[in-house]
Amino acid sequence: DSLRLSCAASGRTFSNYGMGWFRQAPGKER
């Protein structure tokens, strides 16, 4: 199956930031 995750930003100009996705499973490193 498929999913789409979203990340909403606020507080400062979004375009000023590089962005990334990380994941972490139980007992494992990020």
Full PDB file with SEQRES, HELIX, SHEET, SSBOND, CRYST1, ORIGX, SCALE, CONECT and MASTER records, all heavy atoms in Angstrom:
SEQRES   1 A   30  ASP SER LEU ARG LEU SER CYS ALA ALA SER GLY ARG THR          
SEQRES   2 A   30  PHE SER ASN TYR GLY MET GLY TRP PHE ARG GLN ALA PRO          
SEQRES   3 A   30  GLY LYS GLU ARG                                              
HELIX    1 AA1 PHE A   14  ASN A   16  5                                   3    
CRYST1    1.000    1.000    1.000  90.00  90.00  90.00 P 1           1          
ORIGX1      1.000000  0.000000  0.000000        0.00000                         
ORIGX2      0.000000  1.000000  0.000000        0.00000                         
ORIGX3      0.000000  0.000000  1.000000        0.00000                         
SCALE1      1.000000  0.000000  0.000000        0.00000                         
SCALE2      0.000000  1.000000  0.000000        0.00000                         
SCALE3      0.000000  0.000000  1.000000        0.00000                         
ATOM      1  N   ASP A   1       0.822  -1.205   0.000  1.00  0.00           N  
ATOM      2  CA  ASP A   1       0.000   0.000   0.000  1.00  0.00           C  
ATOM      3  C   ASP A   1       0.858   1.258   0.000  1.00  0.00           C  
ATOM      4  O   ASP A   1       2.087   1.200   0.073  1.00  0.00           O  
ATOM      5  CB  ASP A   1      -0.926   0.006   1.216  1.00  0.00           C  
ATOM      6  CG  ASP A   1      -2.072  -0.964   1.086  1.00  0.00           C  
ATOM      7  OD1 ASP A   1      -2.252  -1.544  -0.012  1.00  0.00           O  
ATOM      8  OD2 ASP A   1      -2.799  -1.153   2.080  1.00  0.00           O  
ATOM      9  N   SER A   2       0.187   2.400  -0.060  1.00  0.00           N  
ATOM     10  CA  SER A   2       0.854   3.691  -0.091  1.00  0.00           C  
ATOM     11  C   SER A   2       0.350   4.599   1.019  1.00  0.00           C  
ATOM     12  O   SER A   2      -0.790   4.474   1.479  1.00  0.00           O  
ATOM     13  CB  SER A   2       0.620   4.385  -1.434  1.00  0.00           C  
ATOM     14  OG  SER A   2       1.172   3.652  -2.504  1.00  0.00           O  
ATOM     15  N   LEU A   3       1.195   5.509   1.437  1.00  0.00           N  
ATOM     16  CA  LEU A   3       0.847   6.570   2.372  1.00  0.00           C  
ATOM     17  C   LEU A   3       1.572   7.831   1.957  1.00  0.00           C  
ATOM     18  O   LEU A   3       2.656   7.765   1.371  1.00  0.00           O  
ATOM     19  CB  LEU A   3       1.270   6.226   3.799  1.00  0.00           C  
ATOM     20  CG  LEU A   3       0.407   5.305   4.640  1.00  0.00           C  
ATOM     21  CD1 LEU A   3       1.123   5.030   5.967  1.00  0.00           C  
ATOM     22  CD2 LEU A   3      -0.966   5.917   4.898  1.00  0.00           C  
ATOM     23  N   ARG A   4       0.987   8.971   2.277  1.00  0.00           N  
ATOM     24  CA  ARG A   4       1.677  10.233   2.103  1.00  0.00           C  
ATOM     25  C   ARG A   4       1.758  10.943   3.438  1.00  0.00           C  
ATOM     26  O   ARG A   4       0.739  11.276   4.040  1.00  0.00           O  
ATOM     27  CB  ARG A   4       0.989  11.141   1.082  1.00  0.00           C  
ATOM     28  CG  ARG A   4       1.856  12.364   0.739  1.00  0.00           C  
ATOM     29  CD  ARG A   4       1.272  13.236  -0.332  1.00  0.00           C  
ATOM     30  NE  ARG A   4       0.245  14.136   0.190  1.00  0.00           N  
ATOM     31  CZ  ARG A   4      -0.121  15.266  -0.398  1.00  0.00           C  
ATOM     32  NH1 ARG A   4       0.446  15.632  -1.550  1.00  0.00           N  
ATOM     33  NH2 ARG A   4      -1.069  16.007   0.138  1.00  0.00           N  
ATOM     34  N   LEU A   5       2.970  11.179   3.891  1.00  0.00           N  
ATOM     35  CA  LEU A   5       3.200  11.920   5.110  1.00  0.00           C  
ATOM     36  C   LEU A   5       3.361  13.401   4.790  1.00  0.00           C  
ATOM     37  O   LEU A   5       3.890  13.774   3.744  1.00  0.00           O  
ATOM     38  CB  LEU A   5       4.457  11.428   5.817  1.00  0.00           C  
ATOM     39  CG  LEU A   5       4.542   9.931   6.131  1.00  0.00           C  
ATOM     40  CD1 LEU A   5       5.823   9.642   6.907  1.00  0.00           C  
ATOM     41  CD2 LEU A   5       3.319   9.474   6.906  1.00  0.00           C  
ATOM     42  N   SER A   6       2.909  14.232   5.715  1.00  0.00           N  
ATOM     43  CA  SER A   6       3.068  15.671   5.590  1.00  0.00           C  
ATOM     44  C   SER A   6       3.798  16.210   6.805  1.00  0.00           C  
ATOM     45  O   SER A   6       3.687  15.664   7.902  1.00  0.00           O  
ATOM     46  CB  SER A   6       1.707  16.368   5.472  1.00  0.00           C  
ATOM     47  OG  SER A   6       1.018  15.956   4.313  1.00  0.00           O  
ATOM     48  N   CYS A   7       4.525  17.275   6.599  1.00  0.00           N  
ATOM     49  CA  CYS A   7       5.208  17.972   7.679  1.00  0.00           C  
ATOM     50  C   CYS A   7       4.901  19.452   7.528  1.00  0.00           C  
ATOM     51  O   CYS A   7       5.387  20.092   6.586  1.00  0.00           O  
ATOM     52  CB  CYS A   7       6.709  17.715   7.614  1.00  0.00           C  
ATOM     53  SG  CYS A   7       7.673  18.656   8.817  1.00  0.00           S  
ATOM     54  N   ALA A   8       4.103  19.978   8.431  1.00  0.00           N  
ATOM     55  CA  ALA A   8       3.721  21.385   8.404  1.00  0.00           C  
ATOM     56  C   ALA A   8       4.663  22.190   9.285  1.00  0.00           C  
ATOM     57  O   ALA A   8       4.899  21.828  10.437  1.00  0.00           O  
ATOM     58  CB  ALA A   8       2.281  21.545   8.873  1.00  0.00           C  
ATOM     59  N   ALA A   9       5.174  23.275   8.747  1.00  0.00           N  
ATOM     60  CA  ALA A   9       6.130  24.119   9.452  1.00  0.00           C  
ATOM     61  C   ALA A   9       5.524  25.470   9.775  1.00  0.00           C  
ATOM     62  O   ALA A   9       4.731  26.011   9.007  1.00  0.00           O  
ATOM     63  CB  ALA A   9       7.390  24.308   8.613  1.00  0.00           C  
ATOM     64  N   SER A  10       5.924  26.007  10.912  1.00  0.00           N  
ATOM     65  CA  SER A  10       5.498  27.342  11.300  1.00  0.00           C  
ATOM     66  C   SER A  10       6.589  27.988  12.140  1.00  0.00           C  
ATOM     67  O   SER A  10       7.485  27.314  12.643  1.00  0.00           O  
ATOM     68  CB  SER A  10       4.183  27.299  12.079  1.00  0.00           C  
ATOM     69  OG  SER A  10       4.336  26.573  13.292  1.00  0.00           O  
ATOM     70  N   GLY A  11       6.510  29.302  12.296  1.00  0.00           N  
ATOM     71  CA  GLY A  11       7.430  30.027  13.155  1.00  0.00           C  
ATOM     72  C   GLY A  11       8.485  30.846  12.425  1.00  0.00           C  
ATOM     73  O   GLY A  11       8.886  31.901  12.906  1.00  0.00           O  
ATOM     74  N   ARG A  12       8.935  30.359  11.298  1.00  0.00           N  
ATOM     75  CA  ARG A  12       9.915  31.056  10.480  1.00  0.00           C  
ATOM     76  C   ARG A  12       9.662  30.743   9.013  1.00  0.00           C  
ATOM     77  O   ARG A  12       8.900  29.829   8.686  1.00  0.00           O  
ATOM     78  CB  ARG A  12      11.341  30.668  10.867  1.00  0.00           C  
ATOM     79  CG  ARG A  12      11.785  31.174  12.227  1.00  0.00           C  
ATOM     80  CD  ARG A  12      11.973  32.687  12.221  1.00  0.00           C  
ATOM     81  NE  ARG A  12      12.471  33.186  13.490  1.00  0.00           N  
ATOM     82  CZ  ARG A  12      11.706  33.556  14.513  1.00  0.00           C  
ATOM     83  NH1 ARG A  12      10.378  33.462  14.420  1.00  0.00           N  
ATOM     84  NH2 ARG A  12      12.260  34.009  15.629  1.00  0.00           N  
ATOM     85  N   THR A  13      10.336  31.471   8.160  1.00  0.00           N  
ATOM     86  CA  THR A  13      10.154  31.284   6.725  1.00  0.00           C  
ATOM     87  C   THR A  13      10.609  29.896   6.306  1.00  0.00           C  
ATOM     88  O   THR A  13      11.786  29.551   6.413  1.00  0.00           O  
ATOM     89  CB  THR A  13      10.921  32.347   5.942  1.00  0.00           C  
ATOM     90  OG1 THR A  13      10.488  33.644   6.350  1.00  0.00           O  
ATOM     91  CG2 THR A  13      10.684  32.193   4.445  1.00  0.00           C  
ATOM     92  N   PHE A  14       9.672  29.105   5.820  1.00  0.00           N  
ATOM     93  CA  PHE A  14       9.931  27.720   5.475  1.00  0.00           C  
ATOM     94  C   PHE A  14      11.008  27.582   4.408  1.00  0.00           C  
ATOM     95  O   PHE A  14      11.835  26.667   4.455  1.00  0.00           O  
ATOM     96  CB  PHE A  14       8.624  27.075   5.018  1.00  0.00           C  
ATOM     97  CG  PHE A  14       8.739  25.631   4.657  1.00  0.00           C  
ATOM     98  CD1 PHE A  14       9.072  24.682   5.601  1.00  0.00           C  
ATOM     99  CD2 PHE A  14       8.499  25.219   3.354  1.00  0.00           C  
ATOM    100  CE1 PHE A  14       9.165  23.346   5.272  1.00  0.00           C  
ATOM    101  CE2 PHE A  14       8.579  23.883   3.007  1.00  0.00           C  
ATOM    102  CZ  PHE A  14       8.918  22.941   3.966  1.00  0.00           C  
ATOM    103  N   SER A  15      11.000  28.489   3.454  1.00  0.00           N  
ATOM    104  CA  SER A  15      11.934  28.391   2.340  1.00  0.00           C  
ATOM    105  C   SER A  15      13.389  28.585   2.756  1.00  0.00           C  
ATOM    106  O   SER A  15      14.292  28.324   1.963  1.00  0.00           O  
ATOM    107  CB  SER A  15      11.568  29.398   1.244  1.00  0.00           C  
ATOM    108  OG  SER A  15      11.627  30.729   1.744  1.00  0.00           O  
ATOM    109  N   ASN A  16      13.634  29.039   3.969  1.00  0.00           N  
ATOM    110  CA  ASN A  16      14.991  29.210   4.468  1.00  0.00           C  
ATOM    111  C   ASN A  16      15.627  27.904   4.929  1.00  0.00           C  
ATOM    112  O   ASN A  16      16.813  27.891   5.266  1.00  0.00           O  
ATOM    113  CB  ASN A  16      15.025  30.192   5.639  1.00  0.00           C  
ATOM    114  CG  ASN A  16      14.775  31.630   5.225  1.00  0.00           C  
ATOM    115  OD1 ASN A  16      14.500  32.472   6.070  1.00  0.00           O  
ATOM    116  ND2 ASN A  16      14.868  31.916   3.940  1.00  0.00           N  
ATOM    117  N   TYR A  17      14.859  26.817   4.961  1.00  0.00           N  
ATOM    118  CA  TYR A  17      15.326  25.581   5.565  1.00  0.00           C  
ATOM    119  C   TYR A  17      15.432  24.435   4.578  1.00  0.00           C  
ATOM    120  O   TYR A  17      14.526  24.200   3.773  1.00  0.00           O  
ATOM    121  CB  TYR A  17      14.382  25.154   6.692  1.00  0.00           C  
ATOM    122  CG  TYR A  17      14.350  26.123   7.838  1.00  0.00           C  
ATOM    123  CD1 TYR A  17      13.447  27.176   7.846  1.00  0.00           C  
ATOM    124  CD2 TYR A  17      15.231  25.986   8.904  1.00  0.00           C  
ATOM    125  CE1 TYR A  17      13.425  28.081   8.892  1.00  0.00           C  
ATOM    126  CE2 TYR A  17      15.209  26.884   9.954  1.00  0.00           C  
ATOM    127  CZ  TYR A  17      14.307  27.932   9.944  1.00  0.00           C  
ATOM    128  OH  TYR A  17      14.281  28.817  10.983  1.00  0.00           O  
ATOM    129  N   GLY A  18      16.545  23.732   4.673  1.00  0.00           N  
ATOM    130  CA  GLY A  18      16.599  22.416   4.079  1.00  0.00           C  
ATOM    131  C   GLY A  18      15.815  21.461   4.964  1.00  0.00           C  
ATOM    132  O   GLY A  18      15.715  21.664   6.174  1.00  0.00           O  
ATOM    133  N   MET A  19      15.267  20.424   4.379  1.00  0.00           N  
ATOM    134  CA  MET A  19      14.384  19.527   5.115  1.00  0.00           C  
ATOM    135  C   MET A  19      14.782  18.072   4.914  1.00  0.00           C  
ATOM    136  O   MET A  19      15.380  17.714   3.896  1.00  0.00           O  
ATOM    137  CB  MET A  19      12.937  19.709   4.662  1.00  0.00           C  
ATOM    138  CG  MET A  19      12.390  21.114   4.829  1.00  0.00           C  
ATOM    139  SD  MET A  19      12.193  21.587   6.573  1.00  0.00           S  
ATOM    140  CE  MET A  19      10.896  20.457   7.086  1.00  0.00           C  
ATOM    141  N   GLY A  20      14.408  17.257   5.879  1.00  0.00           N  
ATOM    142  CA  GLY A  20      14.688  15.842   5.765  1.00  0.00           C  
ATOM    143  C   GLY A  20      13.664  14.993   6.490  1.00  0.00           C  
ATOM    144  O   GLY A  20      12.925  15.478   7.351  1.00  0.00           O  
ATOM    145  N   TRP A  21      13.613  13.731   6.117  1.00  0.00           N  
ATOM    146  CA  TRP A  21      12.809  12.724   6.801  1.00  0.00           C  
ATOM    147  C   TRP A  21      13.735  11.659   7.381  1.00  0.00           C  
ATOM    148  O   TRP A  21      14.666  11.193   6.702  1.00  0.00           O  
ATOM    149  CB  TRP A  21      11.815  12.045   5.850  1.00  0.00           C  
ATOM    150  CG  TRP A  21      10.652  12.889   5.455  1.00  0.00           C  
ATOM    151  CD1 TRP A  21      10.501  13.590   4.296  1.00  0.00           C  
ATOM    152  CD2 TRP A  21       9.451  13.090   6.207  1.00  0.00           C  
ATOM    153  NE1 TRP A  21       9.288  14.219   4.280  1.00  0.00           N  
ATOM    154  CE2 TRP A  21       8.620  13.937   5.439  1.00  0.00           C  
ATOM    155  CE3 TRP A  21       8.998  12.649   7.445  1.00  0.00           C  
ATOM    156  CZ2 TRP A  21       7.359  14.346   5.877  1.00  0.00           C  
ATOM    157  CZ3 TRP A  21       7.745  13.059   7.884  1.00  0.00           C  
ATOM    158  CH2 TRP A  21       6.947  13.898   7.104  1.00  0.00           C  
ATOM    159  N   PHE A  22      13.460  11.282   8.620  1.00  0.00           N  
ATOM    160  CA  PHE A  22      14.149  10.187   9.289  1.00  0.00           C  
ATOM    161  C   PHE A  22      13.107   9.251   9.871  1.00  0.00           C  
ATOM    162  O   PHE A  22      11.944   9.614  10.023  1.00  0.00           O  
ATOM    163  CB  PHE A  22      15.059  10.707  10.402  1.00  0.00           C  
ATOM    164  CG  PHE A  22      16.245  11.487   9.906  1.00  0.00           C  
ATOM    165  CD1 PHE A  22      16.110  12.794   9.468  1.00  0.00           C  
ATOM    166  CD2 PHE A  22      17.501  10.902   9.877  1.00  0.00           C  
ATOM    167  CE1 PHE A  22      17.202  13.506   9.010  1.00  0.00           C  
ATOM    168  CE2 PHE A  22      18.611  11.609   9.420  1.00  0.00           C  
ATOM    169  CZ  PHE A  22      18.452  12.917   8.984  1.00  0.00           C  
ATOM    170  N   ARG A  23      13.528   8.058  10.205  1.00  0.00           N  
ATOM    171  CA  ARG A  23      12.615   7.118  10.849  1.00  0.00           C  
ATOM    172  C   ARG A  23      13.348   6.332  11.920  1.00  0.00           C  
ATOM    173  O   ARG A  23      14.561   6.158  11.877  1.00  0.00           O  
ATOM    174  CB  ARG A  23      11.974   6.172   9.831  1.00  0.00           C  
ATOM    175  CG  ARG A  23      12.952   5.238   9.136  1.00  0.00           C  
ATOM    176  CD  ARG A  23      12.252   4.485   8.020  1.00  0.00           C  
ATOM    177  NE  ARG A  23      13.119   3.517   7.371  1.00  0.00           N  
ATOM    178  CZ  ARG A  23      12.776   2.814   6.304  1.00  0.00           C  
ATOM    179  NH1 ARG A  23      11.577   2.971   5.751  1.00  0.00           N  
ATOM    180  NH2 ARG A  23      13.629   1.947   5.778  1.00  0.00           N  
ATOM    181  N   GLN A  24      12.576   5.838  12.876  1.00  0.00           N  
ATOM    182  CA  GLN A  24      13.160   5.092  13.973  1.00  0.00           C  
ATOM    183  C   GLN A  24      12.203   4.001  14.428  1.00  0.00           C  
ATOM    184  O   GLN A  24      11.070   4.279  14.814  1.00  0.00           O  
ATOM    185  CB  GLN A  24      13.487   6.018  15.142  1.00  0.00           C  
ATOM    186  CG  GLN A  24      14.279   5.354  16.248  1.00  0.00           C  
ATOM    187  CD  GLN A  24      14.874   6.358  17.210  1.00  0.00           C  
ATOM    188  OE1 GLN A  24      14.376   7.472  17.343  1.00  0.00           O  
ATOM    189  NE2 GLN A  24      15.947   5.975  17.863  1.00  0.00           N  
ATOM    190  N   ALA A  25      12.671   2.775  14.363  1.00  0.00           N  
ATOM    191  CA  ALA A  25      11.917   1.637  14.854  1.00  0.00           C  
ATOM    192  C   ALA A  25      12.330   1.347  16.293  1.00  0.00           C  
ATOM    193  O   ALA A  25      13.440   1.709  16.710  1.00  0.00           O  
ATOM    194  CB  ALA A  25      12.168   0.415  13.975  1.00  0.00           C  
ATOM    195  N   PRO A  26      11.470   0.697  17.075  1.00  0.00           N  
ATOM    196  CA  PRO A  26      11.820   0.401  18.470  1.00  0.00           C  
ATOM    197  C   PRO A  26      13.131  -0.361  18.585  1.00  0.00           C  
ATOM    198  O   PRO A  26      13.357  -1.345  17.877  1.00  0.00           O  
ATOM    199  CB  PRO A  26      10.644  -0.451  18.945  1.00  0.00           C  
ATOM    200  CG  PRO A  26       9.500  -0.017  18.092  1.00  0.00           C  
ATOM    201  CD  PRO A  26      10.114   0.253  16.745  1.00  0.00           C  
ATOM    202  N   GLY A  27      14.000   0.109  19.460  1.00  0.00           N  
ATOM    203  CA  GLY A  27      15.269  -0.553  19.681  1.00  0.00           C  
ATOM    204  C   GLY A  27      16.321  -0.310  18.630  1.00  0.00           C  
ATOM    205  O   GLY A  27      17.404  -0.896  18.711  1.00  0.00           O  
ATOM    206  N   LYS A  28      16.038   0.535  17.655  1.00  0.00           N  
ATOM    207  CA  LYS A  28      16.985   0.812  16.592  1.00  0.00           C  
ATOM    208  C   LYS A  28      17.337   2.294  16.561  1.00  0.00           C  
ATOM    209  O   LYS A  28      16.619   3.133  17.097  1.00  0.00           O  
ATOM    210  CB  LYS A  28      16.418   0.383  15.242  1.00  0.00           C  
ATOM    211  CG  LYS A  28      16.068  -1.089  15.159  1.00  0.00           C  
ATOM    212  CD  LYS A  28      15.627  -1.497  13.775  1.00  0.00           C  
ATOM    213  CE  LYS A  28      16.768  -1.445  12.785  1.00  0.00           C  
ATOM    214  NZ  LYS A  28      16.360  -1.942  11.445  1.00  0.00           N  
ATOM    215  N   GLU A  29      18.438   2.591  15.925  1.00  0.00           N  
ATOM    216  CA  GLU A  29      18.876   3.976  15.822  1.00  0.00           C  
ATOM    217  C   GLU A  29      18.046   4.720  14.783  1.00  0.00           C  
ATOM    218  O   GLU A  29      17.420   4.115  13.905  1.00  0.00           O  
ATOM    219  CB  GLU A  29      20.361   4.038  15.465  1.00  0.00           C  
ATOM    220  CG  GLU A  29      20.678   3.494  14.084  1.00  0.00           C  
ATOM    221  CD  GLU A  29      22.165   3.508  13.785  1.00  0.00           C  
ATOM    222  OE1 GLU A  29      22.953   3.799  14.700  1.00  0.00           O  
ATOM    223  OE2 GLU A  29      22.539   3.224  12.633  1.00  0.00           O  
ATOM    224  N   ARG A  30      18.056   6.023  14.897  1.00  0.00           N  
ATOM    225  CA  ARG A  30      17.354   6.842  13.926  1.00  0.00           C  
ATOM    226  C   ARG A  30      18.030   6.724  12.562  1.00  0.00           C  
ATOM    227  O   ARG A  30      19.249   6.863  12.441  1.00  0.00           O  
ATOM    228  CB  ARG A  30      17.319   8.296  14.385  1.00  0.00           C  
ATOM    229  CG  ARG A  30      16.414   9.175  13.546  1.00  0.00           C  
ATOM    230  CD  ARG A  30      16.050  10.455  14.292  1.00  0.00           C  
ATOM    231  NE  ARG A  30      15.274  10.183  15.493  1.00  0.00           N  
ATOM    232  CZ  ARG A  30      14.716  11.105  16.245  1.00  0.00           C  
ATOM    233  NH1 ARG A  30      14.833  12.383  15.925  1.00  0.00           N  
ATOM    234  NH2 ARG A  30      14.037  10.755  17.334  1.00  0.00           N  
TER     235      ARG A  30                                                      
MASTER        0    0    0    1    0    0    0    6  234    1    0    3          
END                                                                             
